[in-house]
Amino acid sequence: MLIIIADPLMGEVTAWVNKNPVMVGELFQLQVEAKNVDDPDEPDLGVIRGLEILNRSVQNKTSIVGTSFTSTVSWTYVLIAPAAGEYLIPPLKIGKEKTAPILLKAVESALKSKQESVRLEVVTQPRKVYPQQQVITRVRIIRTGIELENETITPLETAGAHVEKVNQVTYKSVEDGKKHVITEITYAVIPDKSGILTIPQLRYQGDKKTGSALNRNFEFW
């Protein structure tokens, strides 16, 4: 009778990213691998500050070559850097072992930042009115080279006047070879008395699409 005894190798854990540096808003992968580690619990990624974790997967593999036995557990994480700068992925503990730290650099894409923009325009007409006379105010959200979801804008309100939203429409236009998506919100503003009527600052916010993930806040005042 032949009995083969496979000798397990020493425990080893490693971590690496599939690209470094990365672009802001670009998806990248963090791979964490544990070989021959007893009871390899998933590492705690809560120690990573600043990076957003969007997805995870795990894979188990066992191989025997001759008398060598290798058990491997691999975790794959999809992450994103929301802003430019340096991010530290500290040592991750798996069992009694720890990975080496990783210093990740995130950079802005100069070309992309020039092509992408969101801006607000506010147009009022007429500029001079009497009390109880209607002023038409149009707020335009103009997006260039960027797709956004979950968009919100503070409603137009001003002291000393009645404000009513009368229309909202979204349309596309091309100017200087650039495509724009424009949302125009029309308000009727009726002042109660004589004086200076001030249109307050508006706050706009939206989430940028990156594949199936949403990221990056745009806020305008």
Protein backbone atom coordinates (compact mmCIF):
# COMPACT_ATOMS: atom_id res chain seq x y z
CA MET A 1 0.00 0.00 0.00
CA LEU A 2 1.33 3.41 -0.96
CA ILE A 3 0.51 6.39 1.22
CA ILE A 4 1.34 9.88 -0.01
CA ILE A 5 1.57 12.59 2.63
CA ALA A 6 1.43 16.13 1.28
CA ASP A 7 3.44 18.65 3.24
CA PRO A 8 1.83 22.10 3.50
CA LEU A 9 4.11 25.00 2.68
CA MET A 10 4.69 28.01 4.94
CA GLY A 11 1.89 30.58 5.21
CA GLU A 12 2.19 33.63 2.97
CA VAL A 13 -0.05 36.64 2.33
CA THR A 14 0.35 39.27 -0.39
CA ALA A 15 -1.59 42.29 -1.62
CA TRP A 16 -1.25 44.31 -4.82
CA VAL A 17 -3.19 46.67 -7.09
CA ASN A 18 -3.59 46.20 -10.82
CA LYS A 19 -2.57 49.80 -11.60
CA ASN A 20 -0.67 52.54 -9.80
CA PRO A 21 -1.09 55.47 -10.24
CA VAL A 22 -4.80 55.54 -11.00
CA MET A 23 -7.02 58.27 -12.42
CA VAL A 24 -9.55 59.95 -10.16
CA GLY A 25 -12.91 58.23 -10.67
CA GLU A 26 -11.28 55.23 -12.38
CA LEU A 27 -12.07 51.70 -11.23
CA PHE A 28 -9.12 49.60 -10.11
CA GLN A 29 -8.61 46.27 -8.34
CA LEU A 30 -6.99 45.37 -5.06
CA GLN A 31 -5.95 41.71 -4.91
CA VAL A 32 -5.33 40.03 -1.57
CA GLU A 33 -4.01 36.46 -1.57
CA ALA A 34 -3.43 34.05 1.31
CA LYS A 35 -1.47 30.84 0.75
CA ASN A 36 -1.44 28.05 3.33
CA VAL A 37 -2.85 30.27 6.08
CA ASP A 38 -4.84 28.50 8.79
CA ASP A 39 -8.44 29.78 8.99
CA PRO A 40 -7.91 32.70 6.60
CA ASP A 41 -10.65 35.15 7.58
CA GLU A 42 -11.36 37.96 5.14
CA PRO A 43 -9.16 41.00 5.79
CA ASP A 44 -10.74 44.08 7.37
CA LEU A 45 -10.71 46.80 4.72
CA GLY A 46 -12.13 49.27 7.22
CA VAL A 47 -8.54 50.31 7.91
CA ILE A 48 -8.32 51.81 4.40
CA ARG A 49 -9.18 55.52 4.53
CA GLY A 50 -10.44 57.62 1.64
CA LEU A 51 -10.95 54.93 -1.00
CA GLU A 52 -14.43 53.71 -1.91
CA ILE A 53 -15.02 49.94 -2.08
CA LEU A 54 -17.59 49.12 -4.74
CA ASN A 55 -17.48 45.33 -5.06
CA ARG A 56 -15.78 42.19 -3.81
CA SER A 57 -15.36 38.53 -4.78
CA VAL A 58 -13.55 35.55 -3.26
CA GLN A 59 -11.97 32.45 -4.79
CA ASN A 60 -10.62 29.28 -3.13
CA LYS A 61 -8.09 26.98 -4.79
CA THR A 62 -6.23 23.88 -3.62
CA SER A 63 -3.38 22.17 -5.46
CA ILE A 64 -1.02 19.25 -4.79
CA VAL A 65 2.25 19.00 -6.70
CA GLY A 66 4.28 15.96 -5.70
CA THR A 67 4.24 16.09 -1.92
CA SER A 68 3.60 19.85 -1.76
CA PHE A 69 0.12 20.97 -0.73
CA THR A 70 -0.98 24.55 -1.49
CA SER A 71 -4.24 26.11 -0.35
CA THR A 72 -4.95 29.58 -1.75
CA VAL A 73 -7.72 32.05 -0.94
CA SER A 74 -7.93 35.16 -3.12
CA TRP A 75 -10.06 38.25 -2.52
CA THR A 76 -10.63 40.76 -5.31
CA TYR A 77 -11.93 44.22 -4.46
CA VAL A 78 -13.05 46.90 -6.89
CA LEU A 79 -12.18 50.36 -5.58
CA ILE A 80 -12.21 53.96 -6.67
CA ALA A 81 -10.28 57.06 -5.61
CA PRO A 82 -12.71 60.00 -5.29
CA ALA A 83 -10.03 62.71 -5.29
CA ALA A 84 -6.43 63.28 -6.31
CA GLY A 85 -3.73 62.52 -3.76
CA GLU A 86 -1.92 59.66 -2.06
CA TYR A 87 -3.78 56.85 -0.33
CA LEU A 88 -2.21 54.33 2.04
CA ILE A 89 -3.43 50.75 2.01
CA PRO A 90 -1.98 49.65 5.36
CA PRO A 91 -0.89 46.09 6.20
CA LEU A 92 -3.92 43.79 6.09
CA LYS A 93 -4.04 41.00 8.65
CA ILE A 94 -5.02 37.49 7.61
CA GLY A 95 -4.63 34.88 10.31
CA LYS A 96 -1.25 35.52 11.90
CA GLU A 97 0.21 37.04 8.75
CA LYS A 98 0.15 40.59 7.37
CA THR A 99 0.51 42.01 3.87
CA ALA A 100 2.99 44.73 2.98
CA PRO A 101 1.58 48.28 2.84
CA ILE A 102 0.75 49.87 -0.52
CA LEU A 103 1.04 53.58 -1.30
CA LEU A 104 -1.44 54.40 -4.06
CA LYS A 105 -1.37 57.64 -6.04
CA ALA A 106 -4.49 59.09 -7.69
CA VAL A 107 -4.13 61.78 -10.34
CA GLU A 108 -6.52 63.95 -12.29
CA SER A 109 -6.77 63.43 -16.02
CA ALA A 110 -5.89 66.80 -17.57
CA LEU A 111 -7.70 65.98 -20.81
CA LYS A 112 -10.76 64.66 -19.04
CA SER A 113 -11.05 67.58 -16.65
CA LYS A 114 -11.00 70.02 -19.60
CA GLN A 115 -13.72 68.12 -21.43
CA GLU A 116 -16.04 67.65 -18.45
CA SER A 117 -17.90 70.46 -16.77
CA VAL A 118 -21.12 71.35 -15.01
CA ARG A 119 -22.20 74.95 -14.63
CA LEU A 120 -25.26 76.92 -13.58
CA GLU A 121 -26.74 79.95 -15.29
CA VAL A 122 -29.48 82.20 -13.89
CA VAL A 123 -31.29 84.63 -16.20
CA THR A 124 -34.02 87.06 -15.08
CA GLN A 125 -36.30 89.13 -17.29
CA PRO A 126 -37.24 91.95 -17.01
CA ARG A 127 -34.70 93.47 -14.64
CA LYS A 128 -37.03 96.23 -13.40
CA VAL A 129 -40.65 95.66 -12.38
CA TYR A 130 -43.36 97.10 -10.15
CA PRO A 131 -44.74 95.29 -7.08
CA GLN A 132 -47.01 92.38 -8.05
CA GLN A 133 -45.49 92.36 -11.54
CA GLN A 134 -44.08 89.03 -12.68
CA VAL A 135 -40.36 88.40 -13.18
CA ILE A 136 -39.42 85.33 -15.20
CA THR A 137 -36.31 83.62 -13.82
CA ARG A 138 -34.67 80.76 -15.70
CA VAL A 139 -32.14 78.47 -14.02
CA ARG A 140 -30.06 76.40 -16.43
CA ILE A 141 -27.96 73.37 -15.44
CA ILE A 142 -25.47 72.84 -18.28
CA ARG A 143 -23.54 69.56 -18.38
CA THR A 144 -20.71 69.07 -20.86
CA GLY A 145 -19.08 65.68 -21.48
CA ILE A 146 -20.42 64.13 -18.30
CA GLU A 147 -23.30 61.86 -17.27
CA LEU A 148 -24.94 62.46 -13.90
CA GLU A 149 -27.63 60.84 -11.80
CA ASN A 150 -29.43 61.64 -8.55
CA GLU A 151 -29.31 65.33 -9.38
CA THR A 152 -30.83 67.83 -6.96
CA ILE A 153 -31.03 71.61 -6.83
CA THR A 154 -32.36 73.76 -4.04
CA PRO A 155 -35.71 75.35 -4.92
CA LEU A 156 -35.67 79.03 -5.75
CA GLU A 157 -36.89 81.06 -2.78
CA THR A 158 -36.44 84.75 -2.00
CA ALA A 159 -37.64 87.00 0.79
CA GLY A 160 -40.27 89.58 -0.15
CA ALA A 161 -41.61 87.74 -3.17
CA HIS A 162 -43.88 84.87 -4.15
CA VAL A 163 -42.07 82.23 -6.23
CA GLU A 164 -43.80 79.64 -8.39
CA LYS A 165 -42.17 76.98 -10.56
CA VAL A 166 -43.91 77.02 -13.94
CA ASN A 167 -41.87 74.69 -16.15
CA GLN A 168 -38.90 72.33 -16.38
CA VAL A 169 -37.44 70.92 -19.58
CA THR A 170 -34.25 69.02 -20.51
CA TYR A 171 -32.75 69.22 -23.99
CA LYS A 172 -29.47 68.71 -25.87
CA SER A 173 -27.43 71.20 -27.85
CA VAL A 174 -24.10 71.35 -29.70
CA GLU A 175 -21.85 74.39 -29.40
CA ASP A 176 -18.26 74.68 -30.68
CA GLY A 177 -18.34 70.96 -31.42
CA LYS A 178 -19.22 70.07 -27.81
CA LYS A 179 -22.42 68.32 -26.77
CA HIS A 180 -24.33 69.82 -23.87
CA VAL A 181 -27.25 68.46 -21.87
CA ILE A 182 -29.25 71.38 -20.48
CA THR A 183 -32.02 71.37 -17.91
CA GLU A 184 -33.92 74.66 -17.80
CA ILE A 185 -36.18 75.41 -14.84
CA THR A 186 -38.50 78.40 -15.19
CA TYR A 187 -39.87 80.30 -12.19
CA ALA A 188 -42.34 83.16 -11.90
CA VAL A 189 -41.18 85.59 -9.21
CA ILE A 190 -43.70 88.21 -8.02
CA PRO A 191 -42.31 90.85 -5.63
CA ASP A 192 -44.54 92.02 -2.78
CA LYS A 193 -43.17 95.55 -2.46
CA SER A 194 -40.71 98.06 -3.90
CA GLY A 195 -37.00 97.61 -3.31
CA ILE A 196 -34.11 95.42 -4.41
CA LEU A 197 -35.00 91.79 -5.04
CA THR A 198 -32.07 89.43 -4.54
CA ILE A 199 -31.96 86.00 -6.16
CA PRO A 200 -30.26 83.75 -3.56
CA GLN A 201 -27.43 81.34 -4.19
CA LEU A 202 -28.51 77.91 -5.41
CA ARG A 203 -26.97 74.59 -4.48
CA TYR A 204 -26.71 71.87 -7.10
CA GLN A 205 -25.48 68.32 -6.50
CA GLY A 206 -25.20 65.21 -8.67
CA ASP A 207 -23.46 61.84 -8.81
CA LYS A 208 -21.20 61.07 -11.73
CA LYS A 209 -21.64 57.75 -13.53
CA THR A 210 -18.63 55.47 -13.89
CA GLY A 211 -19.83 52.26 -15.47
CA SER A 212 -22.35 50.80 -13.03
CA ALA A 213 -20.98 52.77 -10.10
CA LEU A 214 -21.83 56.26 -8.98
CA ASN A 215 -19.20 58.53 -7.61
CA ARG A 216 -17.95 62.05 -7.22
CA ASN A 217 -20.04 64.90 -5.93
CA PHE A 218 -20.46 68.14 -7.82
CA GLU A 219 -21.74 71.00 -5.71
CA PHE A 220 -22.28 74.55 -6.89
CA TRP A 221 -23.29 77.57 -4.88
